[in-house]
């Protein structure tokens, strides 16, 4: 029989109140608190905490306070990741972010969800679907990206958008739910 952690890591429904997973969330919360309390001059210390918190990190990550996540180890960011103030990444499934990506203030990325059935939800069952952002993605302030979404390269998400489905490369999306409002072709 699988442990709740084994179910969680396999992408299967799991008990969100499991003590082992709660301990891992506490670890992430403590690392986030340490990182959030550092000022901008503590770049080496902040980078060290990010590397301990995240599953993988490219060069020169920059995260402003107050950053929060569930576990941290399911977050994978590429080179030159910039995360502005007051962002949340719920990483019950992998959240993969490419190179040169920027999250404006108050962005929320959710890989977590719960069952539709109220009886199952009352049992504190959790699940997750991966979220992937390609390279050169800019997510505007106050936007929410929901479980299972993949955004291609060179995507811009307009401020206060709710991204409920996946989009390919080179588009600007906005709205609730987000939709394509124009192409975003790189300049020659």
N, C-alpha and C. Protein backbone atom coordinates (compact mmCIF):
# COMPACT_ATOMS: atom_id res chain seq x y z
N UNK A 1 0.85 -1.18 0.00
CA UNK A 1 0.00 0.00 0.00
C UNK A 1 0.90 1.25 0.00
N UNK A 2 0.56 2.21 -0.84
CA UNK A 2 1.36 3.43 -0.95
C UNK A 2 1.12 4.37 0.22
N UNK A 3 2.17 5.08 0.58
CA UNK A 3 2.01 6.15 1.57
C UNK A 3 1.33 7.34 0.88
N UNK A 4 0.86 8.27 1.66
CA UNK A 4 0.24 9.48 1.09
C UNK A 4 1.28 10.27 0.28
N UNK A 5 2.52 10.27 0.75
CA UNK A 5 3.59 10.96 0.02
C UNK A 5 3.84 10.29 -1.33
N UNK A 6 3.85 8.96 -1.34
CA UNK A 6 4.04 8.23 -2.61
C UNK A 6 2.90 8.52 -3.58
N UNK A 7 1.67 8.57 -3.06
CA UNK A 7 0.52 8.93 -3.91
C UNK A 7 0.68 10.34 -4.46
N UNK A 8 1.04 11.26 -3.56
CA UNK A 8 1.24 12.66 -3.92
C UNK A 8 2.27 12.79 -5.05
N UNK A 9 3.42 12.15 -4.88
CA UNK A 9 4.49 12.24 -5.88
C UNK A 9 4.14 11.55 -7.20
N UNK A 10 3.23 10.58 -7.15
CA UNK A 10 2.79 9.88 -8.36
C UNK A 10 1.65 10.61 -9.06
N UNK A 11 1.21 11.74 -8.50
CA UNK A 11 0.12 12.49 -9.12
C UNK A 11 -1.25 11.89 -8.87
N UNK A 12 -1.36 11.10 -7.82
CA UNK A 12 -2.63 10.46 -7.46
C UNK A 12 -3.29 11.25 -6.33
N UNK A 13 -4.61 11.07 -6.15
CA UNK A 13 -5.27 11.73 -5.01
C UNK A 13 -4.60 11.31 -3.69
N UNK A 14 -4.49 12.27 -2.77
CA UNK A 14 -3.80 12.01 -1.51
C UNK A 14 -4.48 12.78 -0.38
N UNK A 15 -4.18 12.40 0.85
CA UNK A 15 -4.70 13.06 2.05
C UNK A 15 -3.87 14.30 2.34
N UNK A 16 -4.46 15.48 2.20
CA UNK A 16 -3.71 16.72 2.41
C UNK A 16 -3.32 16.93 3.87
N UNK A 17 -3.92 16.17 4.79
CA UNK A 17 -3.63 16.31 6.21
C UNK A 17 -2.56 15.31 6.67
N UNK A 18 -1.95 14.59 5.75
CA UNK A 18 -0.93 13.60 6.09
C UNK A 18 0.22 14.25 6.86
N UNK A 19 0.64 13.67 8.00
CA UNK A 19 1.70 14.28 8.81
C UNK A 19 3.04 14.43 8.08
N UNK A 20 3.42 13.46 7.24
CA UNK A 20 4.68 13.56 6.52
C UNK A 20 4.65 14.73 5.54
N UNK A 21 3.55 14.87 4.82
CA UNK A 21 3.42 15.99 3.88
C UNK A 21 3.32 17.32 4.63
N UNK A 22 2.65 17.31 5.77
CA UNK A 22 2.56 18.53 6.58
C UNK A 22 3.95 18.97 7.04
N UNK A 23 4.80 18.02 7.36
CA UNK A 23 6.17 18.33 7.77
C UNK A 23 6.95 18.96 6.61
N UNK A 24 6.73 18.45 5.40
CA UNK A 24 7.41 19.01 4.23
C UNK A 24 6.91 20.41 3.91
N UNK A 25 5.62 20.65 4.13
CA UNK A 25 5.08 22.00 3.94
C UNK A 25 5.65 22.97 4.98
N UNK A 26 5.82 22.49 6.20
CA UNK A 26 6.42 23.32 7.25
C UNK A 26 7.84 23.70 6.88
N UNK A 27 8.61 22.75 6.35
CA UNK A 27 9.98 23.03 5.89
C UNK A 27 9.97 24.15 4.85
N UNK A 28 9.07 24.04 3.85
CA UNK A 28 8.98 25.05 2.80
C UNK A 28 8.57 26.40 3.37
N UNK A 29 7.63 26.40 4.28
CA UNK A 29 7.16 27.65 4.89
C UNK A 29 8.30 28.34 5.65
N UNK A 30 9.12 27.55 6.34
CA UNK A 30 10.25 28.13 7.08
C UNK A 30 11.29 28.72 6.13
N UNK A 31 11.58 28.01 5.02
CA UNK A 31 12.53 28.54 4.05
C UNK A 31 11.99 29.81 3.39
N UNK A 32 10.70 29.82 3.08
CA UNK A 32 10.09 31.03 2.51
C UNK A 32 10.21 32.19 3.48
N UNK A 33 9.94 31.93 4.76
CA UNK A 33 10.03 32.99 5.76
C UNK A 33 11.45 33.55 5.83
N UNK A 34 12.45 32.65 5.85
CA UNK A 34 13.85 33.10 5.88
C UNK A 34 14.17 33.97 4.66
N UNK A 35 13.75 33.50 3.49
CA UNK A 35 14.03 34.24 2.26
C UNK A 35 13.30 35.58 2.25
N UNK A 36 12.05 35.59 2.68
CA UNK A 36 11.25 36.81 2.67
C UNK A 36 11.79 37.88 3.61
N UNK A 37 12.52 37.48 4.63
CA UNK A 37 13.05 38.44 5.60
C UNK A 37 14.38 39.06 5.17
N UNK A 38 14.98 38.54 4.09
CA UNK A 38 16.26 39.07 3.63
C UNK A 38 16.06 40.34 2.80
N UNK A 39 16.99 41.27 2.92
CA UNK A 39 16.91 42.45 2.07
C UNK A 39 17.64 42.18 0.74
N UNK A 40 17.55 43.13 -0.16
CA UNK A 40 18.07 42.93 -1.51
C UNK A 40 19.59 42.81 -1.58
N UNK A 41 20.29 43.18 -0.52
CA UNK A 41 21.75 43.07 -0.55
C UNK A 41 22.23 41.66 -0.22
N UNK A 42 21.37 40.81 0.29
CA UNK A 42 21.74 39.44 0.68
C UNK A 42 21.55 38.47 -0.49
N UNK A 43 22.08 38.81 -1.64
CA UNK A 43 21.82 38.03 -2.86
C UNK A 43 22.33 36.60 -2.77
N UNK A 44 23.52 36.40 -2.21
CA UNK A 44 24.06 35.04 -2.11
C UNK A 44 23.25 34.18 -1.16
N UNK A 45 22.88 34.75 -0.02
CA UNK A 45 22.08 34.00 0.95
C UNK A 45 20.70 33.66 0.38
N UNK A 46 20.11 34.64 -0.32
CA UNK A 46 18.80 34.40 -0.93
C UNK A 46 18.89 33.32 -1.99
N UNK A 47 19.92 33.37 -2.84
CA UNK A 47 20.11 32.34 -3.88
C UNK A 47 20.30 30.96 -3.25
N UNK A 48 21.01 30.90 -2.13
CA UNK A 48 21.22 29.63 -1.44
C UNK A 48 19.89 29.05 -0.95
N UNK A 49 19.04 29.89 -0.38
CA UNK A 49 17.73 29.43 0.10
C UNK A 49 16.86 28.97 -1.07
N UNK A 50 16.86 29.72 -2.17
CA UNK A 50 16.08 29.33 -3.34
C UNK A 50 16.52 27.95 -3.83
N UNK A 51 17.82 27.70 -3.85
CA UNK A 51 18.33 26.40 -4.30
C UNK A 51 17.94 25.28 -3.33
N UNK A 52 17.84 25.58 -2.05
CA UNK A 52 17.38 24.58 -1.08
C UNK A 52 15.87 24.34 -1.19
N UNK A 53 15.14 25.39 -1.54
CA UNK A 53 13.68 25.32 -1.59
C UNK A 53 13.18 24.67 -2.87
N UNK A 54 13.66 25.12 -4.02
CA UNK A 54 13.14 24.66 -5.31
C UNK A 54 13.77 23.33 -5.73
N UNK A 55 13.06 22.62 -6.60
CA UNK A 55 13.57 21.36 -7.14
C UNK A 55 14.77 21.56 -8.03
N UNK A 56 14.73 22.61 -8.86
CA UNK A 56 15.88 22.98 -9.69
C UNK A 56 15.80 24.46 -10.02
N UNK A 57 16.99 25.07 -10.18
CA UNK A 57 17.09 26.51 -10.37
C UNK A 57 18.18 26.81 -11.38
N UNK A 58 17.88 27.69 -12.35
CA UNK A 58 18.88 28.16 -13.29
C UNK A 58 19.73 29.25 -12.65
N UNK A 59 20.43 29.99 -13.48
CA UNK A 59 21.29 31.06 -12.97
C UNK A 59 20.47 32.32 -12.68
N UNK A 60 20.90 33.05 -11.68
CA UNK A 60 20.37 34.37 -11.31
C UNK A 60 18.87 34.44 -11.05
N UNK A 61 18.35 33.59 -10.16
CA UNK A 61 16.93 33.75 -9.79
C UNK A 61 16.75 34.98 -8.92
N UNK A 62 15.63 35.66 -9.03
CA UNK A 62 15.34 36.84 -8.22
C UNK A 62 13.92 36.73 -7.71
N UNK A 63 13.76 36.65 -6.40
CA UNK A 63 12.44 36.52 -5.80
C UNK A 63 12.28 37.59 -4.73
N UNK A 64 11.22 38.39 -4.88
CA UNK A 64 10.90 39.43 -3.91
C UNK A 64 9.96 38.85 -2.85
N UNK A 65 9.93 39.48 -1.65
CA UNK A 65 8.98 39.04 -0.64
C UNK A 65 7.57 39.52 -1.01
N UNK A 66 6.58 38.97 -0.55
CA UNK A 66 6.48 37.75 0.21
C UNK A 66 6.13 36.62 -0.73
N UNK A 67 7.02 35.69 -0.88
CA UNK A 67 6.80 34.52 -1.72
C UNK A 67 6.32 33.38 -0.84
N UNK A 68 5.36 32.60 -1.39
CA UNK A 68 4.86 31.44 -0.67
C UNK A 68 4.67 30.27 -1.63
N UNK A 69 4.87 29.06 -1.12
CA UNK A 69 4.63 27.84 -1.90
C UNK A 69 4.24 26.73 -0.95
N UNK A 70 3.77 25.61 -1.52
CA UNK A 70 3.41 24.45 -0.70
C UNK A 70 4.63 23.66 -0.27
N UNK A 71 5.38 23.17 -1.24
CA UNK A 71 6.48 22.26 -0.97
C UNK A 71 7.83 22.79 -1.48
N UNK A 72 7.81 23.50 -2.58
CA UNK A 72 9.03 24.06 -3.15
C UNK A 72 9.75 23.10 -4.07
N UNK A 73 9.91 21.86 -3.66
CA UNK A 73 10.69 20.92 -4.46
C UNK A 73 10.03 20.53 -5.77
N UNK A 74 8.78 20.87 -5.95
CA UNK A 74 8.09 20.64 -7.22
C UNK A 74 8.17 21.85 -8.15
N UNK A 75 8.92 22.88 -7.76
CA UNK A 75 9.08 24.08 -8.57
C UNK A 75 10.44 24.01 -9.26
N UNK A 76 10.43 24.20 -10.57
CA UNK A 76 11.66 24.15 -11.38
C UNK A 76 11.68 25.41 -12.24
N UNK A 77 12.71 26.24 -12.05
CA UNK A 77 12.80 27.49 -12.81
C UNK A 77 14.10 27.53 -13.60
N UNK A 78 14.04 28.15 -14.77
CA UNK A 78 15.20 28.29 -15.64
C UNK A 78 16.04 29.50 -15.26
N UNK A 79 16.87 29.90 -16.19
CA UNK A 79 17.78 31.02 -15.99
C UNK A 79 17.01 32.35 -15.94
N UNK A 80 17.48 33.25 -15.08
CA UNK A 80 16.99 34.63 -14.99
C UNK A 80 15.49 34.69 -14.67
N UNK A 81 15.05 33.85 -13.76
CA UNK A 81 13.67 33.87 -13.27
C UNK A 81 13.49 35.08 -12.36
N UNK A 82 12.44 35.88 -12.61
CA UNK A 82 12.14 37.02 -11.76
C UNK A 82 10.72 36.91 -11.23
N UNK A 83 10.61 36.94 -9.92
CA UNK A 83 9.32 36.79 -9.25
C UNK A 83 9.13 38.02 -8.37
N UNK A 84 8.18 38.86 -8.72
CA UNK A 84 7.97 40.12 -8.01
C UNK A 84 7.22 39.88 -6.70
N UNK A 85 6.74 40.94 -6.07
CA UNK A 85 6.16 40.89 -4.73
C UNK A 85 4.88 40.07 -4.65
N UNK A 86 4.75 39.37 -3.51
CA UNK A 86 3.50 38.73 -3.09
C UNK A 86 2.97 37.67 -4.06
N UNK A 87 3.83 36.74 -4.44
CA UNK A 87 3.42 35.66 -5.33
C UNK A 87 3.24 34.36 -4.58
N UNK A 88 2.35 33.51 -5.12
CA UNK A 88 2.06 32.20 -4.54
C UNK A 88 2.17 31.15 -5.64
N UNK A 89 2.91 30.08 -5.37
CA UNK A 89 2.94 28.93 -6.27
C UNK A 89 2.56 27.71 -5.45
N UNK A 90 1.38 27.15 -5.72
CA UNK A 90 0.96 25.92 -5.07
C UNK A 90 1.45 24.76 -5.91
N UNK A 91 2.47 24.08 -5.40
CA UNK A 91 3.19 23.08 -6.18
C UNK A 91 2.91 21.65 -5.71
N UNK A 92 1.64 21.27 -5.69
CA UNK A 92 1.33 19.87 -5.38
C UNK A 92 1.60 18.96 -6.58
N UNK A 93 1.81 19.56 -7.73
CA UNK A 93 2.31 18.87 -8.93
C UNK A 93 3.43 19.76 -9.46
N UNK A 94 4.26 19.23 -10.36
CA UNK A 94 5.37 20.05 -10.87
C UNK A 94 4.92 21.36 -11.51
N UNK A 95 5.63 22.43 -11.16
CA UNK A 95 5.47 23.73 -11.80
C UNK A 95 6.82 24.03 -12.43
N UNK A 96 6.84 24.06 -13.77
CA UNK A 96 8.08 24.24 -14.51
C UNK A 96 8.02 25.57 -15.24
N UNK A 97 9.02 26.41 -15.00
CA UNK A 97 9.07 27.76 -15.55
C UNK A 97 10.38 27.90 -16.32
N UNK A 98 10.30 28.32 -17.58
CA UNK A 98 11.46 28.40 -18.46
C UNK A 98 12.39 29.56 -18.16
N UNK A 99 13.29 29.80 -19.10
CA UNK A 99 14.28 30.87 -18.97
C UNK A 99 13.65 32.25 -19.23
N UNK A 100 14.19 33.25 -18.56
CA UNK A 100 13.79 34.65 -18.77
C UNK A 100 12.30 34.87 -18.55
N UNK A 101 11.76 34.27 -17.50
CA UNK A 101 10.34 34.45 -17.19
C UNK A 101 10.19 35.44 -16.04
N UNK A 102 9.09 36.21 -16.12
CA UNK A 102 8.82 37.22 -15.11
C UNK A 102 7.39 37.07 -14.60
N UNK A 103 7.26 37.09 -13.28
CA UNK A 103 5.95 37.11 -12.64
C UNK A 103 5.80 38.47 -11.98
N UNK A 104 4.80 39.23 -12.38
CA UNK A 104 4.52 40.54 -11.77
C UNK A 104 3.96 40.32 -10.36
N UNK A 105 3.70 41.39 -9.61
CA UNK A 105 3.15 41.22 -8.26
C UNK A 105 1.80 40.50 -8.24
N UNK A 106 1.59 39.77 -7.18
CA UNK A 106 0.31 39.11 -6.88
C UNK A 106 -0.08 38.03 -7.88
N UNK A 107 0.88 37.40 -8.52
CA UNK A 107 0.58 36.28 -9.42
C UNK A 107 0.40 35.03 -8.57
N UNK A 108 -0.56 34.21 -8.98
CA UNK A 108 -0.82 32.95 -8.31
C UNK A 108 -0.80 31.83 -9.34
N UNK A 109 0.02 30.83 -9.09
CA UNK A 109 0.09 29.65 -9.96
C UNK A 109 -0.34 28.47 -9.12
N UNK A 110 -1.41 27.81 -9.56
CA UNK A 110 -1.98 26.70 -8.80
C UNK A 110 -1.85 25.40 -9.60
N UNK A 111 -1.08 24.46 -9.07
CA UNK A 111 -1.15 23.11 -9.63
C UNK A 111 -2.10 22.26 -8.79
N UNK A 112 -2.57 22.79 -7.68
CA UNK A 112 -3.41 22.06 -6.72
C UNK A 112 -4.89 22.21 -7.03
N UNK A 113 -5.61 21.12 -6.79
CA UNK A 113 -7.07 21.17 -6.84
C UNK A 113 -7.65 20.09 -5.95
N UNK A 114 -8.96 20.12 -5.78
CA UNK A 114 -9.67 19.16 -4.93
C UNK A 114 -10.80 18.52 -5.73
N UNK A 115 -11.32 17.39 -5.27
CA UNK A 115 -12.39 16.70 -6.00
C UNK A 115 -13.66 17.56 -6.12
N UNK A 116 -14.40 17.33 -7.19
CA UNK A 116 -15.69 18.00 -7.35
C UNK A 116 -16.72 17.45 -6.38
N UNK A 117 -16.63 16.15 -6.10
CA UNK A 117 -17.57 15.47 -5.20
C UNK A 117 -17.39 16.01 -3.77
N UNK A 118 -18.45 16.58 -3.18
CA UNK A 118 -18.31 17.16 -1.85
C UNK A 118 -17.96 16.14 -0.77
N UNK A 119 -18.36 14.89 -0.95
CA UNK A 119 -18.03 13.85 0.04
C UNK A 119 -16.52 13.58 0.04
N UNK A 120 -15.93 13.53 -1.15
CA UNK A 120 -14.49 13.33 -1.25
C UNK A 120 -13.73 14.56 -0.76
N UNK A 121 -14.24 15.74 -1.10
CA UNK A 121 -13.60 16.99 -0.67
C UNK A 121 -13.62 17.09 0.86
N UNK A 122 -14.70 16.62 1.49
CA UNK A 122 -14.82 16.65 2.95
C UNK A 122 -13.79 15.75 3.63
N UNK A 123 -13.22 14.81 2.88
CA UNK A 123 -12.17 13.92 3.41
C UNK A 123 -10.78 14.54 3.26
N UNK A 124 -10.71 15.80 2.81
CA UNK A 124 -9.45 16.52 2.60
C UNK A 124 -8.57 15.81 1.58
N UNK A 125 -9.18 15.41 0.49
CA UNK A 125 -8.44 14.79 -0.61
C UNK A 125 -7.90 15.91 -1.49
N UNK A 126 -6.64 15.80 -1.87
CA UNK A 126 -6.01 16.76 -2.76
C UNK A 126 -5.47 16.07 -3.99
N UNK A 127 -5.22 16.86 -5.02
CA UNK A 127 -4.61 16.34 -6.24
C UNK A 127 -3.94 17.51 -6.94
N UNK A 128 -3.22 17.20 -7.99
CA UNK A 128 -2.54 18.26 -8.72
C UNK A 128 -2.37 17.91 -10.18
N UNK A 129 -2.24 18.94 -11.00
CA UNK A 129 -1.90 18.80 -12.41
C UNK A 129 -0.75 19.76 -12.69
N UNK A 130 0.25 19.31 -13.43
CA UNK A 130 1.42 20.15 -13.70
C UNK A 130 1.05 21.46 -14.41
N UNK A 131 1.84 22.48 -14.13
CA UNK A 131 1.75 23.78 -14.82
C UNK A 131 3.12 24.04 -15.44
N UNK A 132 3.12 24.45 -16.70
CA UNK A 132 4.38 24.71 -17.41
C UNK A 132 4.31 26.06 -18.10
N UNK A 133 5.33 26.88 -17.86
CA UNK A 133 5.49 28.15 -18.58
C UNK A 133 6.75 28.01 -19.43
N UNK A 134 6.65 28.34 -20.72
CA UNK A 134 7.80 28.26 -21.62
C UNK A 134 8.82 29.35 -21.33
N UNK A 135 9.69 29.58 -22.28
CA UNK A 135 10.71 30.63 -22.15
C UNK A 135 10.12 32.00 -22.48
N UNK A 136 10.64 33.03 -21.84
CA UNK A 136 10.25 34.41 -22.12
C UNK A 136 8.77 34.69 -21.87
N UNK A 137 8.24 34.10 -20.82
CA UNK A 137 6.84 34.33 -20.45
C UNK A 137 6.80 35.44 -19.41
N UNK A 138 5.85 36.36 -19.58
CA UNK A 138 5.63 37.45 -18.64
C UNK A 138 4.18 37.35 -18.19
N UNK A 139 3.98 37.15 -16.89
CA UNK A 139 2.63 37.04 -16.33
C UNK A 139 2.33 38.33 -15.59
N UNK A 140 1.29 39.04 -16.04
CA UNK A 140 0.92 40.33 -15.49
C UNK A 140 0.34 40.23 -14.09
N UNK A 141 0.43 41.34 -13.36
CA UNK A 141 0.02 41.41 -11.97
C UNK A 141 -1.40 40.95 -11.72
N UNK A 142 -1.57 40.23 -10.63
CA UNK A 142 -2.89 39.78 -10.21
C UNK A 142 -3.44 38.62 -11.00
N UNK A 143 -2.65 38.03 -11.87
CA UNK A 143 -3.14 36.92 -12.70
C UNK A 143 -3.09 35.60 -11.94
N UNK A 144 -3.97 34.69 -12.36
CA UNK A 144 -4.05 33.36 -11.78
C UNK A 144 -3.91 32.34 -12.90
N UNK A 145 -3.04 31.36 -12.69
CA UNK A 145 -2.87 30.27 -13.65
C UNK A 145 -3.31 28.99 -12.96
N UNK A 146 -4.27 28.29 -13.58
CA UNK A 146 -4.91 27.14 -12.96
C UNK A 146 -4.21 25.82 -13.29
N UNK A 147 -4.53 24.75 -12.54
CA UNK A 147 -3.89 23.45 -12.74
C UNK A 147 -4.01 22.95 -14.18
N UNK A 148 -2.92 22.33 -14.66
CA UNK A 148 -2.91 21.71 -15.97
C UNK A 148 -2.58 22.62 -17.12
N UNK A 149 -2.36 23.90 -16.87
CA UNK A 149 -2.11 24.87 -17.93
C UNK A 149 -0.65 24.79 -18.39
N UNK A 150 -0.46 24.87 -19.72
CA UNK A 150 0.85 25.03 -20.32
C UNK A 150 0.81 26.27 -21.19
N UNK A 151 1.79 27.15 -21.00
CA UNK A 151 1.93 28.33 -21.85
C UNK A 151 3.22 28.17 -22.64
N UNK A 152 3.16 28.44 -23.94
CA UNK A 152 4.33 28.32 -24.81
C UNK A 152 5.32 29.44 -24.60
N UNK A 153 6.30 29.51 -25.48
CA UNK A 153 7.33 30.55 -25.42
C UNK A 153 6.76 31.90 -25.85
N UNK A 154 7.33 32.96 -25.28
CA UNK A 154 7.00 34.34 -25.67
C UNK A 154 5.54 34.71 -25.44
N UNK A 155 4.95 34.16 -24.39
CA UNK A 155 3.56 34.47 -24.05
C UNK A 155 3.54 35.60 -23.03
N UNK A 156 2.63 36.55 -23.23
CA UNK A 156 2.36 37.59 -22.25
C UNK A 156 0.94 37.39 -21.75
N UNK A 157 0.79 37.39 -20.42
CA UNK A 157 -0.52 37.27 -19.79
C UNK A 157 -0.87 38.64 -19.23
N UNK A 158 -1.95 39.23 -19.72
CA UNK A 158 -2.37 40.55 -19.25
C UNK A 158 -2.74 40.55 -17.78
N UNK A 159 -2.59 41.69 -17.14
CA UNK A 159 -2.88 41.82 -15.71
C UNK A 159 -4.30 41.37 -15.38
N UNK A 160 -4.43 40.77 -14.21
CA UNK A 160 -5.72 40.32 -13.67
C UNK A 160 -6.42 39.28 -14.53
N UNK A 161 -5.66 38.48 -15.24
CA UNK A 161 -6.25 37.42 -16.07
C UNK A 161 -6.35 36.12 -15.28
N UNK A 162 -7.30 35.28 -15.69
CA UNK A 162 -7.43 33.94 -15.15
C UNK A 162 -7.21 32.97 -16.29
N UNK A 163 -6.11 32.23 -16.23
CA UNK A 163 -5.72 31.34 -17.31
C UNK A 163 -6.24 29.94 -16.97
N UNK A 164 -7.27 29.52 -17.70
CA UNK A 164 -7.95 28.25 -17.42
C UNK A 164 -7.58 27.15 -18.41
N UNK A 165 -6.89 27.51 -19.51
CA UNK A 165 -6.52 26.51 -20.51
C UNK A 165 -5.15 26.86 -21.08
N UNK A 166 -4.59 25.94 -21.83
CA UNK A 166 -3.25 26.11 -22.38
C UNK A 166 -3.26 26.94 -23.66
N UNK A 167 -2.10 27.62 -23.91
CA UNK A 167 -1.90 28.41 -25.12
C UNK A 167 -0.51 28.12 -25.66
N UNK A 168 -0.37 28.23 -26.99
CA UNK A 168 0.90 27.99 -27.65
C UNK A 168 1.82 29.19 -27.60
N UNK A 169 2.80 29.20 -28.48
CA UNK A 169 3.83 30.25 -28.52
C UNK A 169 3.32 31.57 -29.09
N UNK A 170 4.01 32.65 -28.72
CA UNK A 170 3.90 33.95 -29.39
C UNK A 170 2.52 34.57 -29.37
N UNK A 171 1.87 34.53 -28.20
CA UNK A 171 0.56 35.17 -28.09
C UNK A 171 0.50 36.05 -26.84
N UNK A 172 -0.38 37.04 -26.91
CA UNK A 172 -0.74 37.83 -25.75
C UNK A 172 -2.15 37.43 -25.38
N UNK A 173 -2.33 37.02 -24.13
CA UNK A 173 -3.64 36.58 -23.67
C UNK A 173 -4.08 37.46 -22.51
N UNK A 174 -5.38 37.61 -22.35
CA UNK A 174 -5.91 38.41 -21.24
C UNK A 174 -7.37 38.07 -21.04
N UNK A 175 -7.87 38.40 -19.86
CA UNK A 175 -9.29 38.25 -19.56
C UNK A 175 -9.56 37.15 -18.55
N UNK A 176 -10.87 36.99 -18.28
CA UNK A 176 -11.34 35.97 -17.36
C UNK A 176 -12.57 35.30 -17.96
N UNK A 177 -12.39 34.13 -18.58
CA UNK A 177 -11.13 33.40 -18.75
C UNK A 177 -10.25 34.04 -19.83
N UNK A 178 -8.94 33.80 -19.71
CA UNK A 178 -7.99 34.38 -20.67
C UNK A 178 -8.26 33.86 -22.07
N UNK A 179 -8.08 34.75 -23.05
CA UNK A 179 -8.22 34.39 -24.46
C UNK A 179 -7.14 35.14 -25.22
N UNK A 180 -6.86 34.71 -26.43
CA UNK A 180 -5.84 35.40 -27.24
C UNK A 180 -6.39 36.75 -27.68
N UNK A 181 -5.59 37.80 -27.41
CA UNK A 181 -6.01 39.13 -27.88
C UNK A 181 -5.15 39.61 -29.04
N UNK A 182 -3.94 39.05 -29.18
CA UNK A 182 -3.12 39.36 -30.35
C UNK A 182 -1.89 38.47 -30.36
N UNK A 183 -1.22 38.46 -31.51
CA UNK A 183 0.04 37.72 -31.62
C UNK A 183 1.16 38.51 -30.96
N UNK A 184 2.21 37.79 -30.57
CA UNK A 184 3.37 38.42 -29.97
C UNK A 184 4.62 37.86 -30.64
N UNK A 185 4.81 38.25 -31.91
CA UNK A 185 5.93 37.71 -32.65
C UNK A 185 7.21 38.45 -32.28
N UNK A 186 8.28 37.69 -32.00
CA UNK A 186 9.56 38.34 -31.67
C UNK A 186 10.03 39.22 -32.84
N UNK A 187 10.65 40.37 -32.48
CA UNK A 187 11.17 41.25 -33.50
C UNK A 187 12.42 40.64 -34.11
N UNK A 188 12.59 40.86 -35.41
CA UNK A 188 13.78 40.33 -36.10
C UNK A 188 15.01 41.06 -35.68
